[in-house]
Amino acid sequence: MAIKFMHQDTEFHIGDTVKVNYKIKEKDKERLQAFDGIILAITGLGANKNFLVAKNASDGIRVERIFPINSPWIESIKKLRSPKRLLHRAKLYFLREPRARSI
């Protein structure tokens, strides 16, 4: 269970908010698409590592996407912020369905 990975001399941990610029190929054109969200999980070993990023889209819809770390389609990964406190879990799946407290 990995809780961190390195990409272009930057260390990323679970719980970090990141912006991933991913190359999209449409017919003969290429463009960059930004996907920003929270890293929920890091899976795999060595060159086969993947990380799962989740973001909130409009109307309460949540979008999750898995990125391979060594993919040639990833242009850049930028850390926007880190969690306020140290996390002791390998996967943050409890963030998938946040529930409000009822009093």
C-alpha atoms as a PDB file:
ATOM      1  CA  MET A   1       0.000   0.000   0.000  1.00  0.00           C
ATOM      2  CA  ALA A   2       1.691   3.102  -1.224  1.00  0.00           C
ATOM      3  CA  ILE A   3       0.849   6.422   0.353  1.00  0.00           C
ATOM      4  CA  LYS A   4       3.173   8.601  -1.729  1.00  0.00           C
ATOM      5  CA  PHE A   5       4.796   8.823  -5.158  1.00  0.00           C
ATOM      6  CA  MET A   6       7.323  11.005  -6.952  1.00  0.00           C
ATOM      7  CA  HIS A   7       6.722  12.787 -10.259  1.00  0.00           C
ATOM      8  CA  GLN A   8       9.275  15.210 -11.732  1.00  0.00           C
ATOM      9  CA  ASP A   9      11.061  15.708  -8.382  1.00  0.00           C
ATOM     10  CA  THR A  10       7.837  16.492  -6.500  1.00  0.00           C
ATOM     11  CA  GLU A  11       6.433  14.185  -3.841  1.00  0.00           C
ATOM     12  CA  PHE A  12       2.675  13.632  -3.726  1.00  0.00           C
ATOM     13  CA  HIS A  13       0.768  12.061  -0.825  1.00  0.00           C
ATOM     14  CA  ILE A  14      -2.738  10.759  -0.379  1.00  0.00           C
ATOM     15  CA  GLY A  15      -5.091  13.624   0.481  1.00  0.00           C
ATOM     16  CA  ASP A  16      -3.229  16.217  -1.608  1.00  0.00           C
ATOM     17  CA  THR A  17      -5.291  18.397  -3.914  1.00  0.00           C
ATOM     18  CA  VAL A  18      -3.669  18.240  -7.349  1.00  0.00           C
ATOM     19  CA  LYS A  19      -4.159  19.536 -10.871  1.00  0.00           C
ATOM     20  CA  VAL A  20      -3.288  17.000 -13.583  1.00  0.00           C
ATOM     21  CA  ASN A  21      -2.773  18.348 -17.110  1.00  0.00           C
ATOM     22  CA  TYR A  22      -3.526  15.441 -19.424  1.00  0.00           C
ATOM     23  CA  LYS A  23      -3.032  15.354 -23.202  1.00  0.00           C
ATOM     24  CA  ILE A  24      -6.168  14.491 -25.173  1.00  0.00           C
ATOM     25  CA  LYS A  25      -5.905  13.443 -28.807  1.00  0.00           C
ATOM     26  CA  GLU A  26      -8.904  14.202 -31.032  1.00  0.00           C
ATOM     27  CA  LYS A  27      -8.425  13.070 -34.651  1.00  0.00           C
ATOM     28  CA  ASP A  28      -5.308  15.006 -35.719  1.00  0.00           C
ATOM     29  CA  LYS A  29      -5.257  17.572 -32.877  1.00  0.00           C
ATOM     30  CA  GLU A  30      -3.852  17.411 -29.362  1.00  0.00           C
ATOM     31  CA  ARG A  31      -4.989  19.551 -26.465  1.00  0.00           C
ATOM     32  CA  LEU A  32      -4.454  19.735 -22.711  1.00  0.00           C
ATOM     33  CA  GLN A  33      -7.276  19.017 -20.316  1.00  0.00           C
ATOM     34  CA  ALA A  34      -6.947  19.902 -16.641  1.00  0.00           C
ATOM     35  CA  PHE A  35      -8.405  17.554 -14.032  1.00  0.00           C
ATOM     36  CA  ASP A  36      -8.175  18.813 -10.465  1.00  0.00           C
ATOM     37  CA  GLY A  37      -9.224  16.946  -7.358  1.00  0.00           C
ATOM     38  CA  ILE A  38      -8.095  15.004  -4.296  1.00  0.00           C
ATOM     39  CA  ILE A  39      -5.828  11.955  -4.482  1.00  0.00           C
ATOM     40  CA  LEU A  40      -7.881   9.146  -2.927  1.00  0.00           C
ATOM     41  CA  ALA A  41      -5.636   6.150  -3.565  1.00  0.00           C
ATOM     42  CA  ILE A  42      -2.267   5.081  -4.929  1.00  0.00           C
ATOM     43  CA  THR A  43      -2.044   1.492  -6.194  1.00  0.00           C
ATOM     44  CA  GLY A  44       0.530  -0.698  -7.876  1.00  0.00           C
ATOM     45  CA  LEU A  45       4.273  -1.163  -7.543  1.00  0.00           C
ATOM     46  CA  GLY A  46       7.258   0.282  -9.376  1.00  0.00           C
ATOM     47  CA  ALA A  47       6.534   1.375 -12.932  1.00  0.00           C
ATOM     48  CA  ASN A  48       2.922   0.181 -12.710  1.00  0.00           C
ATOM     49  CA  LYS A  49       1.761   2.721 -10.115  1.00  0.00           C
ATOM     50  CA  ASN A  50      -1.598   4.424 -10.589  1.00  0.00           C
ATOM     51  CA  PHE A  51      -3.291   7.152  -8.625  1.00  0.00           C
ATOM     52  CA  LEU A  52      -7.004   7.852  -8.273  1.00  0.00           C
ATOM     53  CA  VAL A  53      -8.159  11.485  -8.361  1.00  0.00           C
ATOM     54  CA  ALA A  54     -11.731  12.484  -7.459  1.00  0.00           C
ATOM     55  CA  LYS A  55     -13.395  15.827  -8.071  1.00  0.00           C
ATOM     56  CA  ASN A  56     -16.829  17.303  -7.536  1.00  0.00           C
ATOM     57  CA  ALA A  57     -18.545  18.246 -10.788  1.00  0.00           C
ATOM     58  CA  SER A  58     -21.738  20.244 -11.100  1.00  0.00           C
ATOM     59  CA  ASP A  59     -25.058  19.250  -9.497  1.00  0.00           C
ATOM     60  CA  GLY A  60     -23.430  17.085  -6.830  1.00  0.00           C
ATOM     61  CA  ILE A  61     -21.966  14.616  -9.310  1.00  0.00           C
ATOM     62  CA  ARG A  62     -18.575  13.197  -8.348  1.00  0.00           C
ATOM     63  CA  VAL A  63     -16.069  12.189 -11.044  1.00  0.00           C
ATOM     64  CA  GLU A  64     -13.159   9.829 -10.384  1.00  0.00           C
ATOM     65  CA  ARG A  65     -10.307   9.155 -12.776  1.00  0.00           C
ATOM     66  CA  ILE A  66      -7.325   6.801 -12.595  1.00  0.00           C
ATOM     67  CA  PHE A  67      -3.996   8.045 -13.970  1.00  0.00           C
ATOM     68  CA  PRO A  68      -0.893   5.894 -14.541  1.00  0.00           C
ATOM     69  CA  ILE A  69       2.102   7.731 -13.047  1.00  0.00           C
ATOM     70  CA  ASN A  70       4.503   6.943 -15.912  1.00  0.00           C
ATOM     71  CA  SER A  71       2.039   7.771 -18.696  1.00  0.00           C
ATOM     72  CA  PRO A  72       3.468   9.817 -21.598  1.00  0.00           C
ATOM     73  CA  TRP A  73       0.069  11.569 -21.824  1.00  0.00           C
ATOM     74  CA  ILE A  74       0.517  13.356 -18.475  1.00  0.00           C
ATOM     75  CA  GLU A  75       1.958  16.796 -19.192  1.00  0.00           C
ATOM     76  CA  SER A  76       2.290  17.917 -15.568  1.00  0.00           C
ATOM     77  CA  ILE A  77       1.005  17.344 -12.050  1.00  0.00           C
ATOM     78  CA  LYS A  78       0.799  20.377  -9.777  1.00  0.00           C
ATOM     79  CA  LYS A  79       0.157  20.214  -6.033  1.00  0.00           C
ATOM     80  CA  LEU A  80      -2.439  22.836  -5.091  1.00  0.00           C
ATOM     81  CA  ARG A  81      -2.589  22.088  -1.359  1.00  0.00           C
ATOM     82  CA  SER A  82      -1.828  19.465   1.249  1.00  0.00           C
ATOM     83  CA  PRO A  83      -4.119  18.147   3.992  1.00  0.00           C
ATOM     84  CA  LYS A  84      -4.159  20.098   7.238  1.00  0.00           C
ATOM     85  CA  ARG A  85      -3.128  17.119   9.330  1.00  0.00           C
ATOM     86  CA  LEU A  86      -1.210  13.898   8.803  1.00  0.00           C
ATOM     87  CA  LEU A  87      -3.335  11.095   7.379  1.00  0.00           C
ATOM     88  CA  HIS A  88      -2.894   7.552   8.678  1.00  0.00           C
ATOM     89  CA  ARG A  89      -4.825   5.727   5.957  1.00  0.00           C
ATOM     90  CA  ALA A  90      -3.652   4.254   2.666  1.00  0.00           C
ATOM     91  CA  LYS A  91      -6.949   4.838   0.856  1.00  0.00           C
ATOM     92  CA  LEU A  92      -9.429   7.658   1.432  1.00  0.00           C
ATOM     93  CA  TYR A  93     -12.534   5.902   0.147  1.00  0.00           C
ATOM     94  CA  PHE A  94     -14.575   7.362   3.000  1.00  0.00           C
ATOM     95  CA  LEU A  95     -14.537  10.675   1.086  1.00  0.00           C
ATOM     96  CA  ARG A  96     -16.629   9.139  -1.690  1.00  0.00           C
ATOM     97  CA  GLU A  97     -19.955   9.577   0.083  1.00  0.00           C
ATOM     98  CA  PRO A  98     -19.844  12.464   2.536  1.00  0.00           C
ATOM     99  CA  ARG A  99     -22.807  12.502   4.867  1.00  0.00           C
ATOM    100  CA  ALA A 100     -24.085  15.465   6.833  1.00  0.00           C
ATOM    101  CA  ARG A 101     -24.724  15.004  10.518  1.00  0.00           C
ATOM    102  CA  SER A 102     -28.334  15.105  11.655  1.00  0.00           C
ATOM    103  CA  ILE A 103     -29.009  16.662  15.025  1.00  0.00           C
END
